[in-house]
């Protein structure tokens, strides 16, 4: 048994680069677990800078200087934050408070509709069961509504933290964008010169993650805007609140659309009942989901992530349970990273191939990092 274990360790952990990768992954997990809340502004700034890098590169391709491209990108970011804080968020807050204040009437109307079921199907459901369900539902929703309605001075520390984020994050994003080459070169200086596995993982992840994250943000914005316009034209109550929910639902593949269907259908049913307006609402919502999955996603994600649906759902559940919203948002990139690590993990069969590839590709890979300072000076 010891010989088998020793042979397995020698096969998969015999290289310096493998040990380094394991240590880096363990260090990243420990830092996120222990200092995640403290470093949250830095992590958020890294994510946003990663998103804005595409805009900077596009502006530079249009012959704009690096400093001007970074400045324009940061101004766009600040304008977006101001618009969200002072235009979108107040409307969402008012609609949320109004929705929770009207929940008791909605529950009563829903109970009246469902109480018709025992008359038609007495063997399947009874009036007592429906009363028990709505009693429990009413108490839970009443507690949630009271929490929303009593938002007061006790929440000022949270608001202060949000304001701190609003100030710190754009500043960090500016410096991450401005000095990205220097920072990458500095990080690369701590790595060994011969790093074929890390290069393979970087090649596989860089374009895919960049395309995925930027494409996902664009998809959320487009789906939310289109949903808001459709809901406004149909006269749906809480149009902006529902549109934001529909936009965010694309974060969770296969599950998000099904979950958000419930509040959309419930609000339409409580507003109009079983009428033509309700069916037009569901038709519009179904068309939005259909066009998103069959038209928008193929256009935005030209380099599709080759993951099985089961792997995607497991990644959403695992990483979402560990890191919450950000875990859900980066579930597919993290799953892709895991797959890239497994594919690149060195064995004795890969050593000769990687050594030959390293000899051919090393100058091409190291040149940009070695010339990072010259690029900044130019």
Protein backbone atom coordinates (compact mmCIF):
# COMPACT_ATOMS: atom_id res chain seq x y z
CA UNK A 1 0.00 0.00 0.00
CA UNK A 2 2.80 2.42 0.86
CA UNK A 3 4.47 1.66 -2.45
CA UNK A 4 1.25 2.47 -4.31
CA UNK A 5 0.83 5.77 -2.44
CA UNK A 6 4.49 6.66 -2.97
CA UNK A 7 4.21 5.88 -6.67
CA UNK A 8 1.05 8.03 -6.96
CA UNK A 9 2.77 10.95 -5.22
CA UNK A 10 5.84 10.62 -7.42
CA UNK A 11 3.63 10.53 -10.50
CA UNK A 12 1.53 13.61 -9.77
CA UNK A 13 3.57 15.71 -7.27
CA UNK A 14 7.14 15.20 -8.41
CA UNK A 15 7.58 18.60 -10.06
CA UNK A 16 8.36 21.91 -8.39
CA UNK A 17 5.66 23.69 -10.40
CA UNK A 18 2.96 21.32 -9.10
CA UNK A 19 3.92 21.99 -5.50
CA UNK A 20 3.92 25.72 -6.21
CA UNK A 21 0.44 25.53 -7.76
CA UNK A 22 -0.92 23.59 -4.79
CA UNK A 23 0.57 26.12 -2.38
CA UNK A 24 -0.88 29.03 -4.38
CA UNK A 25 -4.36 27.46 -4.40
CA UNK A 26 -4.21 26.71 -0.67
CA UNK A 27 -2.97 30.23 0.09
CA UNK A 28 -5.77 31.75 -2.00
CA UNK A 29 -8.40 29.66 -0.21
CA UNK A 30 -7.02 30.57 3.22
CA UNK A 31 -6.90 34.27 2.37
CA UNK A 32 -10.46 34.24 1.05
CA UNK A 33 -11.71 32.32 4.07
CA UNK A 34 -9.98 34.46 6.69
CA UNK A 35 -9.62 37.90 5.10
CA UNK A 36 -12.36 37.79 2.48
CA UNK A 37 -14.49 40.44 4.14
CA UNK A 38 -11.50 42.72 4.72
CA UNK A 39 -10.21 42.37 1.17
CA UNK A 40 -13.68 42.59 -0.39
CA UNK A 41 -13.06 46.08 -1.87
CA UNK A 42 -9.81 44.87 -3.44
CA UNK A 43 -11.45 41.75 -4.86
CA UNK A 44 -14.37 43.79 -6.19
CA UNK A 45 -11.94 46.26 -7.77
CA UNK A 46 -10.02 43.39 -9.40
CA UNK A 47 -13.21 42.02 -10.91
CA UNK A 48 -14.30 45.42 -12.19
CA UNK A 49 -10.83 46.18 -13.56
CA UNK A 50 -10.93 42.84 -15.36
CA UNK A 51 -14.26 43.88 -16.89
CA UNK A 52 -13.03 47.34 -17.87
CA UNK A 53 -9.81 46.05 -19.43
CA UNK A 54 -11.70 45.22 -22.62
CA UNK A 55 -12.83 48.85 -22.94
CA UNK A 56 -9.29 50.08 -22.35
CA UNK A 57 -7.93 47.78 -25.04
CA UNK A 58 -10.65 48.83 -27.48
CA UNK A 59 -9.89 52.53 -26.90
CA UNK A 60 -6.18 51.88 -27.37
CA UNK A 61 -6.92 50.13 -30.67
CA UNK A 62 -8.55 53.40 -31.72
CA UNK A 63 -5.18 55.15 -31.17
CA UNK A 64 -6.07 56.57 -27.75
CA UNK A 65 -3.14 56.88 -25.29
CA UNK A 66 -3.10 54.46 -22.38
CA UNK A 67 -3.74 57.16 -19.78
CA UNK A 68 -6.69 58.53 -21.76
CA UNK A 69 -8.21 55.08 -22.24
CA UNK A 70 -7.93 54.35 -18.51
CA UNK A 71 -9.42 57.75 -17.63
CA UNK A 72 -12.41 57.27 -19.95
CA UNK A 73 -13.04 53.76 -18.59
CA UNK A 74 -12.97 55.02 -15.01
CA UNK A 75 -15.32 57.90 -15.85
CA UNK A 76 -17.75 55.39 -17.38
CA UNK A 77 -17.50 53.31 -14.21
CA UNK A 78 -18.16 56.30 -11.95
CA UNK A 79 -21.11 57.37 -14.09
CA UNK A 80 -22.57 53.87 -13.92
CA UNK A 81 -22.21 53.77 -10.13
CA UNK A 82 -23.82 57.21 -9.76
CA UNK A 83 -26.70 56.17 -12.02
CA UNK A 84 -27.29 52.97 -10.07
CA UNK A 85 -27.16 54.72 -6.70
CA UNK A 86 -29.29 57.76 -7.46
CA UNK A 87 -31.64 56.55 -10.22
CA UNK A 88 -32.10 52.79 -10.18
CA UNK A 89 -31.74 51.96 -6.49
CA UNK A 90 -34.34 54.49 -5.19
CA UNK A 91 -36.94 53.12 -7.64
CA UNK A 92 -36.16 49.53 -6.66
CA UNK A 93 -36.35 50.46 -2.98
CA UNK A 94 -39.76 52.11 -3.35
CA UNK A 95 -41.12 49.22 -5.39
CA UNK A 96 -39.81 46.68 -2.87
CA UNK A 97 -41.44 48.48 0.05
CA UNK A 98 -44.72 48.78 -1.86
CA UNK A 99 -44.61 45.11 -2.85
CA UNK A 100 -44.17 43.93 0.73
CA UNK A 101 -46.90 46.26 1.94
CA UNK A 102 -49.31 44.73 -0.57
CA UNK A 103 -48.33 41.12 0.13
CA UNK A 104 -51.22 40.45 2.57
CA UNK A 105 -53.79 41.41 -0.09
CA UNK A 106 -51.96 39.28 -2.67
CA UNK A 107 -51.96 36.32 -0.31
CA UNK A 108 -55.68 36.67 0.36
CA UNK A 109 -56.43 36.80 -3.36
CA UNK A 110 -54.23 33.80 -4.03
CA UNK A 111 -55.96 31.89 -1.27
CA UNK A 112 -59.33 32.67 -2.82
CA UNK A 113 -58.16 31.31 -6.17
CA UNK A 114 -56.65 28.16 -4.71
CA UNK A 115 -59.71 27.44 -2.55
CA UNK A 116 -61.48 26.62 -5.80
CA UNK A 117 -59.28 23.54 -6.16
CA UNK A 118 -60.89 21.51 -3.32
CA UNK A 119 -64.27 21.96 -5.02
CA UNK A 120 -62.92 20.56 -8.30
CA UNK A 121 -60.44 18.00 -6.94
CA UNK A 122 -61.60 17.04 -3.42
CA UNK A 123 -59.55 13.83 -3.38
CA UNK A 124 -56.23 15.57 -4.13
CA UNK A 125 -56.38 18.65 -1.90
CA UNK A 126 -58.51 19.89 0.95
CA UNK A 127 -59.43 23.38 2.12
CA UNK A 128 -57.67 22.75 5.43
CA UNK A 129 -54.36 22.02 3.68
CA UNK A 130 -54.57 25.24 1.69
CA UNK A 131 -55.39 27.22 4.85
CA UNK A 132 -52.36 25.76 6.61
CA UNK A 133 -50.07 26.56 3.68
CA UNK A 134 -51.22 30.16 3.46
CA UNK A 135 -51.08 30.64 7.24
CA UNK A 136 -47.40 29.62 7.25
CA UNK A 137 -46.67 31.63 4.11
CA UNK A 138 -48.36 34.72 5.53
CA UNK A 139 -46.37 34.62 8.75
CA UNK A 140 -43.05 34.21 6.92
CA UNK A 141 -43.76 36.96 4.39
CA UNK A 142 -45.08 39.20 7.15
CA UNK A 143 -41.76 38.91 8.97
CA UNK A 144 -39.84 39.71 5.78
CA UNK A 145 -42.07 42.66 5.01
CA UNK A 146 -41.66 44.06 8.51
CA UNK A 147 -37.89 43.85 8.08
CA UNK A 148 -38.05 45.80 4.82
CA UNK A 149 -40.50 48.39 6.11
CA UNK A 150 -38.49 49.06 9.28
CA UNK A 151 -35.31 50.04 7.42
CA UNK A 152 -34.15 52.88 9.66
CA UNK A 153 -31.18 54.46 11.39
CA UNK A 154 -30.02 51.03 12.54
CA UNK A 155 -28.87 50.39 8.96
CA UNK A 156 -26.68 53.48 8.74
CA UNK A 157 -23.45 51.46 9.30
CA UNK A 158 -24.32 49.41 6.21
CA UNK A 159 -24.90 52.59 4.23
CA UNK A 160 -21.56 53.95 5.45
CA UNK A 161 -19.82 50.77 4.27
CA UNK A 162 -21.48 51.12 0.86
CA UNK A 163 -20.28 54.71 0.60
CA UNK A 164 -16.74 53.60 1.49
CA UNK A 165 -16.90 51.02 -1.30
CA UNK A 166 -18.13 53.69 -3.72
CA UNK A 167 -15.05 55.80 -2.98
CA UNK A 168 -12.35 53.12 -2.62
CA UNK A 169 -13.28 50.73 -5.43
CA UNK A 170 -13.05 53.26 -8.33
CA UNK A 171 -9.66 54.42 -7.03
CA UNK A 172 -8.38 50.84 -6.91
CA UNK A 173 -9.79 50.14 -10.36
CA UNK A 174 -7.95 53.17 -11.76
CA UNK A 175 -4.57 52.01 -10.46
CA UNK A 176 -5.19 48.38 -11.45
CA UNK A 177 -5.91 49.51 -15.01
CA UNK A 178 -3.11 52.08 -15.11
CA UNK A 179 -0.37 49.78 -13.80
CA UNK A 180 -1.69 46.39 -14.96
CA UNK A 181 1.51 45.47 -16.84
CA UNK A 182 3.70 46.39 -13.89
CA UNK A 183 1.53 44.43 -11.47
CA UNK A 184 1.49 41.35 -13.73
CA UNK A 185 5.23 41.55 -14.20
CA UNK A 186 5.75 41.87 -10.44
CA UNK A 187 3.58 38.80 -9.76
CA UNK A 188 5.36 36.82 -12.49
CA UNK A 189 8.73 37.61 -10.90
CA UNK A 190 7.86 35.31 -7.98
CA UNK A 191 7.19 32.35 -10.29
CA UNK A 192 9.84 29.99 -11.66
CA UNK A 193 11.22 30.77 -15.09
CA UNK A 194 10.20 27.36 -16.42
CA UNK A 195 6.43 27.12 -15.83
CA UNK A 196 4.77 25.16 -18.68
CA UNK A 197 1.76 24.05 -16.61
CA UNK A 198 1.01 27.55 -15.38
CA UNK A 199 1.32 28.85 -18.94
CA UNK A 200 -1.09 26.22 -20.22
CA UNK A 201 -3.61 27.07 -17.51
CA UNK A 202 -3.20 30.79 -18.20
CA UNK A 203 -3.69 30.32 -21.94
CA UNK A 204 -6.80 28.23 -21.40
CA UNK A 205 -8.33 30.55 -18.81
CA UNK A 206 -7.45 34.07 -19.93
CA UNK A 207 -9.63 34.42 -23.02
CA UNK A 208 -12.44 32.19 -21.76
CA UNK A 209 -12.84 33.94 -18.42
CA UNK A 210 -12.54 37.39 -19.98
CA UNK A 211 -15.17 36.61 -22.59
CA UNK A 212 -17.43 34.94 -20.05
CA UNK A 213 -17.35 37.66 -17.39
CA UNK A 214 -17.74 40.56 -19.81
CA UNK A 215 -20.35 38.71 -21.83
CA UNK A 216 -22.31 37.83 -18.70
CA UNK A 217 -22.40 41.48 -17.56
CA UNK A 218 -23.59 42.56 -21.01
CA UNK A 219 -26.18 39.78 -21.03
CA UNK A 220 -27.53 40.85 -17.62
CA UNK A 221 -27.82 44.47 -18.79
CA UNK A 222 -29.53 43.61 -22.09
CA UNK A 223 -32.00 41.15 -20.57
CA UNK A 224 -32.87 43.56 -17.75
CA UNK A 225 -33.40 46.53 -20.10
CA UNK A 226 -35.50 44.52 -22.58
CA UNK A 227 -37.56 43.04 -19.74
CA UNK A 228 -38.13 46.49 -18.24
CA UNK A 229 -39.33 47.89 -21.58
CA UNK A 230 -41.64 44.91 -22.11
CA UNK A 231 -43.08 45.13 -18.60
CA UNK A 232 -43.64 48.88 -18.95
CA UNK A 233 -45.46 48.44 -22.25
CA UNK A 234 -47.68 45.77 -20.71
CA UNK A 235 -48.34 47.90 -17.61
CA UNK A 236 -46.98 45.39 -15.11
CA UNK A 237 -46.66 46.51 -11.51
CA UNK A 238 -43.11 46.58 -10.07
CA UNK A 239 -41.68 46.58 -13.62
CA UNK A 240 -38.15 47.63 -12.65
CA UNK A 241 -37.96 45.22 -9.72
CA UNK A 242 -39.05 42.31 -11.90
CA UNK A 243 -36.71 43.37 -14.72
CA UNK A 244 -33.71 43.39 -12.37
CA UNK A 245 -34.69 39.93 -11.12
CA UNK A 246 -35.00 38.63 -14.69
CA UNK A 247 -31.62 40.13 -15.59
CA UNK A 248 -29.89 38.59 -12.58
CA UNK A 249 -31.53 35.23 -13.28
CA UNK A 250 -29.11 34.62 -16.17
CA UNK A 251 -26.34 34.21 -13.57
CA UNK A 252 -27.63 30.75 -12.71
CA UNK A 253 -27.91 28.59 -15.83
CA UNK A 254 -30.97 26.38 -16.14
CA UNK A 255 -32.24 27.33 -12.67
CA UNK A 256 -32.47 31.13 -12.62
CA UNK A 257 -35.07 31.42 -15.39
CA UNK A 258 -37.30 28.79 -13.76
CA UNK A 259 -37.09 30.45 -10.34
CA UNK A 260 -37.82 33.99 -11.59
CA UNK A 261 -40.85 32.70 -13.51
CA UNK A 262 -42.66 32.32 -10.17
CA UNK A 263 -42.67 36.02 -9.10
CA UNK A 264 -43.36 37.19 -12.66
CA UNK A 265 -46.36 34.87 -12.97
CA UNK A 266 -47.55 35.60 -9.42
CA UNK A 267 -47.55 39.38 -9.83
CA UNK A 268 -49.23 39.12 -13.22
CA UNK A 269 -51.85 36.77 -11.82
CA UNK A 270 -52.59 38.95 -8.80
CA UNK A 271 -52.76 42.04 -11.00
CA UNK A 272 -54.99 40.72 -13.80
CA UNK A 273 -56.16 37.22 -12.86
CA UNK A 274 -56.71 34.67 -15.61
CA UNK A 275 -57.06 37.26 -18.36
CA UNK A 276 -55.53 37.99 -21.74
CA UNK A 277 -53.11 40.49 -20.14
CA UNK A 278 -51.68 37.73 -17.95
CA UNK A 279 -51.11 35.43 -20.90
CA UNK A 280 -49.51 38.26 -22.90
CA UNK A 281 -47.14 38.82 -19.99
CA UNK A 282 -46.14 35.16 -19.87
CA UNK A 283 -45.75 35.11 -23.65
CA UNK A 284 -43.44 38.15 -23.55
CA UNK A 285 -41.43 36.66 -20.68
CA UNK A 286 -41.11 33.35 -22.53
CA UNK A 287 -39.93 35.12 -25.69
CA UNK A 288 -37.29 37.03 -23.70
CA UNK A 289 -35.95 33.78 -22.26
CA UNK A 290 -36.10 32.07 -25.66
CA UNK A 291 -34.21 34.86 -27.43
CA UNK A 292 -31.68 35.06 -24.61
CA UNK A 293 -30.83 31.38 -24.77
CA UNK A 294 -30.89 30.95 -28.56
CA UNK A 295 -29.73 34.32 -29.93
CA UNK A 296 -28.01 36.48 -27.30
CA UNK A 297 -25.92 33.79 -25.60
CA UNK A 298 -24.41 32.41 -28.86
CA UNK A 299 -23.52 35.96 -29.96
CA UNK A 300 -21.92 37.03 -26.67
CA UNK A 301 -20.18 33.77 -25.83
CA UNK A 302 -18.47 32.97 -29.11
CA UNK A 303 -15.94 30.81 -27.27
CA UNK A 304 -18.33 28.57 -25.39
CA UNK A 305 -17.19 26.96 -22.17
CA UNK A 306 -17.20 23.22 -22.81
CA UNK A 307 -18.76 22.01 -19.57
CA UNK A 308 -21.42 19.41 -19.01
CA UNK A 309 -24.73 20.78 -17.60
CA UNK A 310 -24.28 18.61 -14.49
CA UNK A 311 -20.85 20.17 -13.90
CA UNK A 312 -22.33 23.66 -14.29
CA UNK A 313 -25.13 22.99 -11.77
CA UNK A 314 -22.69 21.43 -9.29
CA UNK A 315 -20.36 24.42 -9.68
CA UNK A 316 -23.21 26.84 -9.00
CA UNK A 317 -24.25 24.91 -5.88
CA UNK A 318 -20.72 24.42 -4.50
CA UNK A 319 -19.16 27.82 -5.20
CA UNK A 320 -22.41 29.67 -4.46
CA UNK A 321 -22.60 27.93 -1.09
CA UNK A 322 -19.00 28.91 -0.31
CA UNK A 323 -18.84 32.50 -1.58
CA UNK A 324 -22.46 33.55 -2.05
CA UNK A 325 -23.21 35.95 -4.92
CA UNK A 326 -19.65 36.06 -6.21
CA UNK A 327 -19.46 32.28 -6.06
CA UNK A 328 -22.57 32.07 -8.25
CA UNK A 329 -21.26 34.74 -10.63
CA UNK A 330 -17.90 33.02 -11.05
CA UNK A 331 -19.19 29.45 -10.83
CA UNK A 332 -18.56 28.69 -14.50
CA UNK A 333 -15.10 30.37 -14.61
CA UNK A 334 -14.12 28.52 -11.43
CA UNK A 335 -15.36 25.25 -12.90
CA UNK A 336 -13.38 26.04 -16.06
CA UNK A 337 -10.31 26.74 -13.92
CA UNK A 338 -10.75 23.39 -12.18
CA UNK A 339 -11.02 21.65 -15.54
CA UNK A 340 -7.95 23.50 -16.87
CA UNK A 341 -5.91 22.46 -13.81
CA UNK A 342 -6.98 18.84 -14.21
CA UNK A 343 -6.13 18.90 -17.92
CA UNK A 344 -2.75 20.56 -17.33
CA UNK A 345 -1.76 18.54 -14.26
CA UNK A 346 1.66 17.08 -15.17
CA UNK A 347 2.39 13.39 -15.36
CA UNK A 348 5.46 11.60 -16.57
CA UNK A 349 3.93 11.36 -20.07
CA UNK A 350 3.68 15.16 -20.33
CA UNK A 351 7.17 16.10 -19.24
CA UNK A 352 8.97 15.63 -22.55
CA UNK A 353 6.20 17.39 -24.49
CA UNK A 354 6.15 20.37 -22.11
CA UNK A 355 9.93 20.70 -22.12
CA UNK A 356 9.93 20.91 -25.91
CA UNK A 357 7.01 23.37 -25.90
CA UNK A 358 8.69 25.46 -23.19
CA UNK A 359 11.80 25.81 -25.29
CA UNK A 360 9.79 27.09 -28.24
CA UNK A 361 7.26 29.30 -26.49
CA UNK A 362 9.14 30.76 -23.54
CA UNK A 363 10.51 33.83 -25.37
CA UNK A 364 7.06 34.65 -26.77
CA UNK A 365 5.45 34.44 -23.35
CA UNK A 366 8.07 36.20 -21.28
CA UNK A 367 8.65 39.06 -23.69
CA UNK A 368 5.52 41.06 -22.78
CA UNK A 369 6.27 40.77 -19.08
CA UNK A 370 9.90 41.71 -19.53
CA UNK A 371 8.87 44.78 -21.50
CA UNK A 372 6.07 45.85 -19.17
CA UNK A 373 7.97 48.83 -17.87
CA UNK A 374 8.78 49.97 -21.41
CA UNK A 375 5.12 49.73 -22.36
CA UNK A 376 4.13 51.89 -19.39
CA UNK A 377 6.80 54.46 -20.22
CA UNK A 378 5.63 54.66 -23.83
